Amino acid sequence: MTGDAIIDNHARRRRLLKLGGATIALAAIVVIPNRTDAAVNAALRAALKYQGKPEGDKNCANCVQFVPGASAKEPGGCKVIPNDTEISPQGYCVAWAKKV
């Protein structure tokens, strides 16, 4: 193998590695924004005994504190649990108050 051929192989390998790195970085940019909006306030959830299932007919969807998500089935927020965007409409906690 000549010196020029070796240099060509190294240049190809570098281009391939750069392309692979750029592909991985682009994939992360495309996938991550969908998850960056999600946030969980674990400390307040625990303090309010939040659970992802209803307590009888009491659920977040019929609670005055619930802030609905994009659709009726998607997670939303809670006025009592700030910075938490993953509250299930079917969830429940001890701060539940019937929506009028």
PDB file of N, CA and C in Angstrom:
ATOM      1  N   MET A   1       0.846  -1.164   0.000  1.00  0.00           N
ATOM      2  CA  MET A   1       0.000   0.000   0.000  1.00  0.00           C
ATOM      3  C   MET A   1       0.892   1.227   0.000  1.00  0.00           C
ATOM      4  N   THR A   2       0.572   2.183  -0.840  1.00  0.00           N
ATOM      5  CA  THR A   2       1.385   3.393  -0.949  1.00  0.00           C
ATOM      6  C   THR A   2       0.981   4.395   0.117  1.00  0.00           C
ATOM      7  N   GLY A   3       1.789   5.396   0.289  1.00  0.00           N
ATOM      8  CA  GLY A   3       1.518   6.433   1.275  1.00  0.00           C
ATOM      9  C   GLY A   3       0.229   7.181   0.979  1.00  0.00           C
ATOM     10  N   ASP A   4      -0.029   7.433  -0.321  1.00  0.00           N
ATOM     11  CA  ASP A   4      -1.267   8.137  -0.700  1.00  0.00           C
ATOM     12  C   ASP A   4      -2.501   7.302  -0.374  1.00  0.00           C
ATOM     13  N   ALA A   5      -2.418   5.992  -0.572  1.00  0.00           N
ATOM     14  CA  ALA A   5      -3.549   5.114  -0.289  1.00  0.00           C
ATOM     15  C   ALA A   5      -3.846   5.090   1.210  1.00  0.00           C
ATOM     16  N   ILE A   6      -2.804   5.086   2.007  1.00  0.00           N
ATOM     17  CA  ILE A   6      -2.983   5.093   3.457  1.00  0.00           C
ATOM     18  C   ILE A   6      -3.654   6.392   3.900  1.00  0.00           C
ATOM     19  N   ILE A   7      -3.215   7.512   3.345  1.00  0.00           N
ATOM     20  CA  ILE A   7      -3.805   8.805   3.688  1.00  0.00           C
ATOM     21  C   ILE A   7      -5.273   8.831   3.269  1.00  0.00           C
ATOM     22  N   ASP A   8      -5.588   8.281   2.058  1.00  0.00           N
ATOM     23  CA  ASP A   8      -6.974   8.214   1.597  1.00  0.00           C
ATOM     24  C   ASP A   8      -7.843   7.399   2.552  1.00  0.00           C
ATOM     25  N   ASN A   9      -7.318   6.258   3.013  1.00  0.00           N
ATOM     26  CA  ASN A   9      -8.076   5.417   3.947  1.00  0.00           C
ATOM     27  C   ASN A   9      -8.340   6.149   5.257  1.00  0.00           C
ATOM     28  N   HIS A  10      -7.341   6.871   5.748  1.00  0.00           N
ATOM     29  CA  HIS A  10      -7.517   7.629   6.987  1.00  0.00           C
ATOM     30  C   HIS A  10      -8.554   8.739   6.805  1.00  0.00           C
ATOM     31  N   ALA A  11      -8.511   9.418   5.660  1.00  0.00           N
ATOM     32  CA  ALA A  11      -9.468  10.488   5.387  1.00  0.00           C
ATOM     33  C   ALA A  11     -10.890   9.924   5.307  1.00  0.00           C
ATOM     34  N   ARG A  12     -11.059   8.775   4.664  1.00  0.00           N
ATOM     35  CA  ARG A  12     -12.378   8.142   4.566  1.00  0.00           C
ATOM     36  C   ARG A  12     -12.884   7.745   5.952  1.00  0.00           C
ATOM     37  N   ARG A  13     -11.992   7.181   6.741  1.00  0.00           N
ATOM     38  CA  ARG A  13     -12.372   6.753   8.088  1.00  0.00           C
ATOM     39  C   ARG A  13     -12.805   7.956   8.939  1.00  0.00           C
ATOM     40  N   ARG A  14     -12.058   9.070   8.830  1.00  0.00           N
ATOM     41  CA  ARG A  14     -12.422  10.277   9.576  1.00  0.00           C
ATOM     42  C   ARG A  14     -13.784  10.805   9.137  1.00  0.00           C
ATOM     43  N   ARG A  15     -14.033  10.827   7.821  1.00  0.00           N
ATOM     44  CA  ARG A  15     -15.330  11.285   7.315  1.00  0.00           C
ATOM     45  C   ARG A  15     -16.455  10.394   7.817  1.00  0.00           C
ATOM     46  N   LEU A  16     -16.208   9.078   7.811  1.00  0.00           N
ATOM     47  CA  LEU A  16     -17.223   8.136   8.283  1.00  0.00           C
ATOM     48  C   LEU A  16     -17.519   8.357   9.768  1.00  0.00           C
ATOM     49  N   LEU A  17     -16.479   8.551  10.554  1.00  0.00           N
ATOM     50  CA  LEU A  17     -16.668   8.799  11.984  1.00  0.00           C
ATOM     51  C   LEU A  17     -17.400  10.114  12.228  1.00  0.00           C
ATOM     52  N   LYS A  18     -17.061  11.146  11.473  1.00  0.00           N
ATOM     53  CA  LYS A  18     -17.754  12.430  11.614  1.00  0.00           C
ATOM     54  C   LYS A  18     -19.228  12.283  11.248  1.00  0.00           C
ATOM     55  N   LEU A  19     -19.498  11.573  10.154  1.00  0.00           N
ATOM     56  CA  LEU A  19     -20.872  11.370   9.726  1.00  0.00           C
ATOM     57  C   LEU A  19     -21.650  10.571  10.776  1.00  0.00           C
ATOM     58  N   GLY A  20     -21.020   9.535  11.324  1.00  0.00           N
ATOM     59  CA  GLY A  20     -21.673   8.740  12.373  1.00  0.00           C
ATOM     60  C   GLY A  20     -21.942   9.575  13.609  1.00  0.00           C
ATOM     61  N   GLY A  21     -20.982  10.398  14.004  1.00  0.00           N
ATOM     62  CA  GLY A  21     -21.168  11.271  15.165  1.00  0.00           C
ATOM     63  C   GLY A  21     -22.260  12.289  14.930  1.00  0.00           C
ATOM     64  N   ALA A  22     -22.296  12.853  13.739  1.00  0.00           N
ATOM     65  CA  ALA A  22     -23.336  13.824  13.411  1.00  0.00           C
ATOM     66  C   ALA A  22     -24.714  13.171  13.403  1.00  0.00           C
ATOM     67  N   THR A  23     -24.789  11.932  12.917  1.00  0.00           N
ATOM     68  CA  THR A  23     -26.062  11.210  12.893  1.00  0.00           C
ATOM     69  C   THR A  23     -26.568  10.969  14.304  1.00  0.00           C
ATOM     70  N   ILE A  24     -25.689  10.552  15.192  1.00  0.00           N
ATOM     71  CA  ILE A  24     -26.074  10.307  16.589  1.00  0.00           C
ATOM     72  C   ILE A  24     -26.522  11.614  17.250  1.00  0.00           C
ATOM     73  N   ALA A  25     -25.786  12.692  17.019  1.00  0.00           N
ATOM     74  CA  ALA A  25     -26.149  13.984  17.602  1.00  0.00           C
ATOM     75  C   ALA A  25     -27.495  14.457  17.072  1.00  0.00           C
ATOM     76  N   LEU A  26     -27.735  14.288  15.784  1.00  0.00           N
ATOM     77  CA  LEU A  26     -29.001  14.694  15.194  1.00  0.00           C
ATOM     78  C   LEU A  26     -30.150  13.864  15.757  1.00  0.00           C
ATOM     79  N   ALA A  27     -29.938  12.576  15.931  1.00  0.00           N
ATOM     80  CA  ALA A  27     -30.979  11.712  16.501  1.00  0.00           C
ATOM     81  C   ALA A  27     -31.331  12.182  17.912  1.00  0.00           C
ATOM     82  N   ALA A  28     -30.336  12.551  18.690  1.00  0.00           N
ATOM     83  CA  ALA A  28     -30.590  13.032  20.049  1.00  0.00           C
ATOM     84  C   ALA A  28     -31.377  14.342  20.024  1.00  0.00           C
ATOM     85  N   ILE A  29     -31.071  15.210  19.089  1.00  0.00           N
ATOM     86  CA  ILE A  29     -31.778  16.480  18.988  1.00  0.00           C
ATOM     87  C   ILE A  29     -33.235  16.257  18.601  1.00  0.00           C
ATOM     88  N   VAL A  30     -33.480  15.295  17.735  1.00  0.00           N
ATOM     89  CA  VAL A  30     -34.839  15.015  17.272  1.00  0.00           C
ATOM     90  C   VAL A  30     -35.657  14.330  18.360  1.00  0.00           C
ATOM     91  N   VAL A  31     -35.073  13.410  19.106  1.00  0.00           N
ATOM     92  CA  VAL A  31     -35.802  12.628  20.096  1.00  0.00           C
ATOM     93  C   VAL A  31     -35.962  13.366  21.424  1.00  0.00           C
ATOM     94  N   ILE A  32     -34.966  14.030  21.898  1.00  0.00           N
ATOM     95  CA  ILE A  32     -34.975  14.627  23.229  1.00  0.00           C
ATOM     96  C   ILE A  32     -36.012  15.722  23.415  1.00  0.00           C
ATOM     97  N   PRO A  33     -36.268  16.606  22.440  1.00  0.00           N
ATOM     98  CA  PRO A  33     -37.255  17.645  22.709  1.00  0.00           C
ATOM     99  C   PRO A  33     -38.625  17.131  23.132  1.00  0.00           C
ATOM    100  N   ASN A  34     -38.998  15.948  22.701  1.00  0.00           N
ATOM    101  CA  ASN A  34     -40.276  15.394  23.116  1.00  0.00           C
ATOM    102  C   ASN A  34     -40.283  15.038  24.592  1.00  0.00           C
ATOM    103  N   ARG A  35     -39.152  14.833  25.193  1.00  0.00           N
ATOM    104  CA  ARG A  35     -39.072  14.451  26.595  1.00  0.00           C
ATOM    105  C   ARG A  35     -38.674  15.604  27.501  1.00  0.00           C
ATOM    106  N   THR A  36     -38.125  16.682  26.960  1.00  0.00           N
ATOM    107  CA  THR A  36     -37.669  17.755  27.827  1.00  0.00           C
ATOM    108  C   THR A  36     -38.819  18.484  28.499  1.00  0.00           C
ATOM    109  N   ASP A  37     -40.015  18.422  27.909  1.00  0.00           N
ATOM    110  CA  ASP A  37     -41.151  19.088  28.509  1.00  0.00           C
ATOM    111  C   ASP A  37     -41.665  18.340  29.735  1.00  0.00           C
ATOM    112  N   ALA A  38     -41.388  17.065  29.807  1.00  0.00           N
ATOM    113  CA  ALA A  38     -41.879  16.246  30.904  1.00  0.00           C
ATOM    114  C   ALA A  38     -41.077  16.531  32.180  1.00  0.00           C
ATOM    115  N   ALA A  39     -41.788  16.675  33.284  1.00  0.00           N
ATOM    116  CA  ALA A  39     -41.140  16.911  34.569  1.00  0.00           C
ATOM    117  C   ALA A  39     -41.978  16.273  35.670  1.00  0.00           C
ATOM    118  N   VAL A  40     -41.298  15.748  36.668  1.00  0.00           N
ATOM    119  CA  VAL A  40     -41.976  15.107  37.797  1.00  0.00           C
ATOM    120  C   VAL A  40     -41.452  15.738  39.091  1.00  0.00           C
ATOM    121  N   ASN A  41     -42.356  16.126  39.960  1.00  0.00           N
ATOM    122  CA  ASN A  41     -42.009  16.668  41.266  1.00  0.00           C
ATOM    123  C   ASN A  41     -42.220  15.543  42.287  1.00  0.00           C
ATOM    124  N   ALA A  42     -41.241  14.664  42.386  1.00  0.00           N
ATOM    125  CA  ALA A  42     -41.349  13.452  43.199  1.00  0.00           C
ATOM    126  C   ALA A  42     -41.592  13.750  44.680  1.00  0.00           C
ATOM    127  N   ALA A  43     -40.967  14.783  45.204  1.00  0.00           N
ATOM    128  CA  ALA A  43     -41.109  15.092  46.635  1.00  0.00           C
ATOM    129  C   ALA A  43     -42.564  15.446  46.985  1.00  0.00           C
ATOM    130  N   LEU A  44     -43.181  16.313  46.194  1.00  0.00           N
ATOM    131  CA  LEU A  44     -44.569  16.677  46.472  1.00  0.00           C
ATOM    132  C   LEU A  44     -45.518  15.526  46.174  1.00  0.00           C
ATOM    133  N   ARG A  45     -45.213  14.754  45.149  1.00  0.00           N
ATOM    134  CA  ARG A  45     -46.049  13.575  44.870  1.00  0.00           C
ATOM    135  C   ARG A  45     -46.100  12.666  46.086  1.00  0.00           C
ATOM    136  N   ALA A  46     -44.939  12.427  46.661  1.00  0.00           N
ATOM    137  CA  ALA A  46     -44.868  11.546  47.837  1.00  0.00           C
ATOM    138  C   ALA A  46     -45.617  12.165  49.019  1.00  0.00           C
ATOM    139  N   ALA A  47     -45.413  13.457  49.243  1.00  0.00           N
ATOM    140  CA  ALA A  47     -46.063  14.131  50.367  1.00  0.00           C
ATOM    141  C   ALA A  47     -47.589  14.104  50.230  1.00  0.00           C
ATOM    142  N   LEU A  48     -48.078  14.183  48.998  1.00  0.00           N
ATOM    143  CA  LEU A  48     -49.528  14.194  48.765  1.00  0.00           C
ATOM    144  C   LEU A  48     -50.076  12.806  48.445  1.00  0.00           C
ATOM    145  N   LYS A  49     -49.231  11.790  48.572  1.00  0.00           N
ATOM    146  CA  LYS A  49     -49.615  10.398  48.336  1.00  0.00           C
ATOM    147  C   LYS A  49     -50.247  10.196  46.953  1.00  0.00           C
ATOM    148  N   TYR A  50     -49.629  10.836  45.949  1.00  0.00           N
ATOM    149  CA  TYR A  50     -50.111  10.719  44.571  1.00  0.00           C
ATOM    150  C   TYR A  50     -49.977   9.283  44.091  1.00  0.00           C
ATOM    151  N   GLN A  51     -50.981   8.819  43.390  1.00  0.00           N
ATOM    152  CA  GLN A  51     -50.945   7.498  42.761  1.00  0.00           C
ATOM    153  C   GLN A  51     -51.501   7.633  41.349  1.00  0.00           C
ATOM    154  N   GLY A  52     -51.079   6.801  40.464  1.00  0.00           N
ATOM    155  CA  GLY A  52     -51.476   6.873  39.067  1.00  0.00           C
ATOM    156  C   GLY A  52     -52.822   6.251  38.759  1.00  0.00           C
ATOM    157  N   LYS A  53     -53.576   5.900  39.783  1.00  0.00           N
ATOM    158  CA  LYS A  53     -54.907   5.298  39.577  1.00  0.00           C
ATOM    159  C   LYS A  53     -55.920   6.029  40.455  1.00  0.00           C
ATOM    160  N   PRO A  54     -57.198   5.971  40.083  1.00  0.00           N
ATOM    161  CA  PRO A  54     -58.220   6.685  40.855  1.00  0.00           C
ATOM    162  C   PRO A  54     -58.468   6.067  42.231  1.00  0.00           C
ATOM    163  N   GLU A  55     -59.096   6.839  43.074  1.00  0.00           N
ATOM    164  CA  GLU A  55     -59.521   6.380  44.405  1.00  0.00           C
ATOM    165  C   GLU A  55     -61.052   6.421  44.369  1.00  0.00           C
ATOM    166  N   GLY A  56     -61.651   5.292  44.011  1.00  0.00           N
ATOM    167  CA  GLY A  56     -63.104   5.260  43.811  1.00  0.00           C
ATOM    168  C   GLY A  56     -63.461   6.129  42.616  1.00  0.00           C
ATOM    169  N   ASP A  57     -64.368   7.088  42.826  1.00  0.00           N
ATOM    170  CA  ASP A  57     -64.738   7.982  41.727  1.00  0.00           C
ATOM    171  C   ASP A  57     -63.912   9.269  41.737  1.00  0.00           C
ATOM    172  N   LYS A  58     -62.920   9.346  42.608  1.00  0.00           N
ATOM    173  CA  LYS A  58     -62.040  10.510  42.691  1.00  0.00           C
ATOM    174  C   LYS A  58     -60.831  10.300  41.781  1.00  0.00           C
ATOM    175  N   ASN A  59     -60.663  11.188  40.814  1.00  0.00           N
ATOM    176  CA  ASN A  59     -59.471  11.145  39.963  1.00  0.00           C
ATOM    177  C   ASN A  59     -59.098  12.563  39.572  1.00  0.00           C
ATOM    178  N   CYS A  60     -57.903  12.712  39.064  1.00  0.00           N
ATOM    179  CA  CYS A  60     -57.398  14.041  38.717  1.00  0.00           C
ATOM    180  C   CYS A  60     -58.274  14.742  37.678  1.00  0.00           C
ATOM    181  N   ALA A  61     -58.844  13.993  36.754  1.00  0.00           N
ATOM    182  CA  ALA A  61     -59.659  14.602  35.700  1.00  0.00           C
ATOM    183  C   ALA A  61     -60.877  15.334  36.267  1.00  0.00           C
ATOM    184  N   ASN A  62     -61.384  14.896  37.426  1.00  0.00           N
ATOM    185  CA  ASN A  62     -62.540  15.591  38.004  1.00  0.00           C
ATOM    186  C   ASN A  62     -62.160  16.385  39.265  1.00  0.00           C
ATOM    187  N   CYS A  63     -60.877  16.759  39.342  1.00  0.00           N
ATOM    188  CA  CYS A  63     -60.371  17.559  40.467  1.00  0.00           C
ATOM    189  C   CYS A  63     -60.182  19.007  40.021  1.00  0.00           C
ATOM    190  N   VAL A  64     -60.528  19.932  40.882  1.00  0.00           N
ATOM    191  CA  VAL A  64     -60.390  21.353  40.580  1.00  0.00           C
ATOM    192  C   VAL A  64     -58.918  21.763  40.408  1.00  0.00           C
ATOM    193  N   GLN A  65     -58.004  21.021  40.969  1.00  0.00           N
ATOM    194  CA  GLN A  65     -56.575  21.352  40.904  1.00  0.00           C
ATOM    195  C   GLN A  65     -55.912  20.906  39.593  1.00  0.00           C
ATOM    196  N   PHE A  66     -56.551  20.001  38.854  1.00  0.00           N
ATOM    197  CA  PHE A  66     -55.948  19.412  37.654  1.00  0.00           C
ATOM    198  C   PHE A  66     -55.917  20.395  36.492  1.00  0.00           C
ATOM    199  N   VAL A  67     -54.767  20.444  35.815  1.00  0.00           N
ATOM    200  CA  VAL A  67     -54.595  21.243  34.610  1.00  0.00           C
ATOM    201  C   VAL A  67     -54.463  20.246  33.459  1.00  0.00           C
ATOM    202  N   PRO A  68     -55.492  20.117  32.617  1.00  0.00           N
ATOM    203  CA  PRO A  68     -55.490  19.080  31.580  1.00  0.00           C
ATOM    204  C   PRO A  68     -54.319  19.194  30.601  1.00  0.00           C
ATOM    205  N   GLY A  69     -53.939  18.043  30.040  1.00  0.00           N
ATOM    206  CA  GLY A  69     -52.903  18.000  29.024  1.00  0.00           C
ATOM    207  C   GLY A  69     -53.489  18.345  27.663  1.00  0.00           C
ATOM    208  N   ALA A  70     -52.766  17.987  26.605  1.00  0.00           N
ATOM    209  CA  ALA A  70     -53.183  18.315  25.238  1.00  0.00           C
ATOM    210  C   ALA A  70     -54.495  17.634  24.851  1.00  0.00           C
ATOM    211  N   SER A  71     -54.745  16.456  25.429  1.00  0.00           N
ATOM    212  CA  SER A  71     -56.009  15.763  25.184  1.00  0.00           C
ATOM    213  C   SER A  71     -56.505  15.199  26.514  1.00  0.00           C
ATOM    214  N   ALA A  72     -57.716  14.686  26.512  1.00  0.00           N
ATOM    215  CA  ALA A  72     -58.321  14.179  27.747  1.00  0.00           C
ATOM    216  C   ALA A  72     -57.554  13.007  28.350  1.00  0.00           C
ATOM    217  N   LYS A  73     -56.838  12.245  27.527  1.00  0.00           N
ATOM    218  CA  LYS A  73     -56.128  11.062  28.029  1.00  0.00           C
ATOM    219  C   LYS A  73     -54.656  11.321  28.315  1.00  0.00           C
ATOM    220  N   GLU A  74     -54.124  12.454  27.864  1.00  0.00           N
ATOM    221  CA  GLU A  74     -52.700  12.751  28.063  1.00  0.00           C
ATOM    222  C   GLU A  74     -52.451  13.355  29.443  1.00  0.00           C
ATOM    223  N   PRO A  75     -51.239  13.149  29.989  1.00  0.00           N
ATOM    224  CA  PRO A  75     -50.901  13.725  31.293  1.00  0.00           C
ATOM    225  C   PRO A  75     -50.998  15.243  31.265  1.00  0.00           C
ATOM    226  N   GLY A  76     -51.271  15.808  32.407  1.00  0.00           N
ATOM    227  CA  GLY A  76     -51.357  17.259  32.537  1.00  0.00           C
ATOM    228  C   GLY A  76     -50.566  17.722  33.741  1.00  0.00           C
ATOM    229  N   GLY A  77     -51.012  18.789  34.351  1.00  0.00           N
ATOM    230  CA  GLY A  77     -50.339  19.338  35.519  1.00  0.00           C
ATOM    231  C   GLY A  77     -51.289  19.417  36.698  1.00  0.00           C
ATOM    232  N   CYS A  78     -50.804  20.006  37.768  1.00  0.00           N
ATOM    233  CA  CYS A  78     -51.601  20.152  38.981  1.00  0.00           C
ATOM    234  C   CYS A  78     -51.212  21.469  39.643  1.00  0.00           C
ATOM    235  N   LYS A  79     -52.210  22.211  40.082  1.00  0.00           N
ATOM    236  CA  LYS A  79     -51.954  23.491  40.747  1.00  0.00           C
ATOM    237  C   LYS A  79     -51.248  23.302  42.085  1.00  0.00           C
ATOM    238  N   VAL A  80     -51.433  22.142  42.697  1.00  0.00           N
ATOM    239  CA  VAL A  80     -50.839  21.870  44.011  1.00  0.00           C
ATOM    240  C   VAL A  80     -49.437  21.271  43.885  1.00  0.00           C
ATOM    241  N   ILE A  81     -49.137  20.671  42.741  1.00  0.00           N
ATOM    242  CA  ILE A  81     -47.822  20.059  42.513  1.00  0.00           C
ATOM    243  C   ILE A  81     -47.139  20.821  41.376  1.00  0.00           C
ATOM    244  N   PRO A  82     -46.507  21.956  41.675  1.00  0.00           N
ATOM    245  CA  PRO A  82     -45.887  22.760  40.628  1.00  0.00           C
ATOM    246  C   PRO A  82     -44.732  22.025  39.949  1.00  0.00           C
ATOM    247  N   ASN A  83     -44.492  22.401  38.710  1.00  0.00           N
ATOM    248  CA  ASN A  83     -43.389  21.852  37.907  1.00  0.00           C
ATOM    249  C   ASN A  83     -43.521  20.363  37.641  1.00  0.00           C
ATOM    250  N   ASP A  84     -44.716  19.828  37.685  1.00  0.00           N
ATOM    251  CA  ASP A  84     -44.956  18.421  37.360  1.00  0.00           C
ATOM    252  C   ASP A  84     -45.920  18.383  36.180  1.00  0.00           C
ATOM    253  N   THR A  85     -45.441  17.884  35.057  1.00  0.00           N
ATOM    254  CA  THR A  85     -46.256  17.849  33.842  1.00  0.00           C
ATOM    255  C   THR A  85     -46.677  16.431  33.479  1.00  0.00           C
ATOM    256  N   GLU A  86     -46.525  15.519  34.407  1.00  0.00           N
ATOM    257  CA  GLU A  86     -46.838  14.117  34.155  1.00  0.00           C
ATOM    258  C   GLU A  86     -47.943  13.592  35.068  1.00  0.00           C
ATOM    259  N   ILE A  87     -48.898  14.430  35.393  1.00  0.00           N
ATOM    260  CA  ILE A  87     -50.017  14.025  36.249  1.00  0.00           C
ATOM    261  C   ILE A  87     -51.059  13.314  35.382  1.00  0.00           C
ATOM    262  N   SER A  88     -51.373  12.083  35.724  1.00  0.00           N
ATOM    263  CA  SER A  88     -52.341  11.300  34.959  1.00  0.00           C
ATOM    264  C   SER A  88     -53.761  11.779  35.243  1.00  0.00           C
ATOM    265  N   PRO A  89     -54.593  11.903  34.205  1.00  0.00           N
ATOM    266  CA  PRO A  89     -55.992  12.247  34.446  1.00  0.00           C
ATOM    267  C   PRO A  89     -56.682  11.195  35.314  1.00  0.00           C
ATOM    268  N   GLN A  90     -56.155   9.985  35.315  1.00  0.00           N
ATOM    269  CA  GLN A  90     -56.712   8.904  36.133  1.00  0.00           C
ATOM    270  C   GLN A  90     -56.026   8.792  37.493  1.00  0.00           C
ATOM    271  N   GLY A  91     -55.111   9.714  37.794  1.00  0.00           N
ATOM    272  CA  GLY A  91     -54.397   9.685  39.070  1.00  0.00           C
ATOM    273  C   GLY A  91     -55.256  10.199  40.215  1.00  0.00           C
ATOM    274  N   TYR A  92     -54.658  10.241  41.404  1.00  0.00           N
ATOM    275  CA  TYR A  92     -55.355  10.709  42.606  1.00  0.00           C
ATOM    276  C   TYR A  92     -54.314  11.090  43.652  1.00  0.00           C
ATOM    277  N   CYS A  93     -54.618  12.080  44.471  1.00  0.00           N
ATOM    278  CA  CYS A  93     -53.803  12.399  45.641  1.00  0.00           C
ATOM    279  C   CYS A  93     -54.722  12.964  46.728  1.00  0.00           C
ATOM    280  N   VAL A  94     -54.178  13.170  47.915  1.00  0.00           N
ATOM    281  CA  VAL A  94     -54.998  13.619  49.048  1.00  0.00           C
ATOM    282  C   VAL A  94     -55.440  15.082  48.911  1.00  0.00           C
ATOM    283  N   ALA A  95     -54.925  15.816  47.941  1.00  0.00           N
ATOM    284  CA  ALA A  95     -55.356  17.202  47.718  1.00  0.00           C
ATOM    285  C   ALA A  95     -56.567  17.265  46.788  1.00  0.00           C
ATOM    286  N   TRP A  96     -57.132  16.121  46.436  1.00  0.00           N
ATOM    287  CA  TRP A  96     -58.264  16.074  45.514  1.00  0.00           C
ATOM    288  C   TRP A  96     -59.433  16.897  46.055  1.00  0.00           C
ATOM    289  N   ALA A  97     -59.993  17.714  45.174  1.00  0.00           N
ATOM    290  CA  ALA A  97     -61.195  18.509  45.504  1.00  0.00           C
ATOM    291  C   ALA A  97     -62.099  18.480  44.279  1.00  0.00           C
ATOM    292  N   LYS A  98     -63.344  18.094  44.474  1.00  0.00           N
ATOM    293  CA  LYS A  98     -64.268  17.913  43.363  1.00  0.00           C
ATOM    294  C   LYS A  98     -64.444  19.191  42.540  1.00  0.00           C
ATOM    295  N   LYS A  99     -64.326  19.019  41.213  1.00  0.00           N
ATOM    296  CA  LYS A  99     -64.556  20.115  40.282  1.00  0.00           C
ATOM    297  C   LYS A  99     -66.055  20.389  40.220  1.00  0.00           C
ATOM    298  N   VAL A 100     -66.420  21.647  40.311  1.00  0.00           N
ATOM    299  CA  VAL A 100     -67.849  22.017  40.288  1.00  0.00           C
ATOM    300  C   VAL A 100     -68.302  22.263  38.882  1.00  0.00           C
TER     301      VAL A 100
END
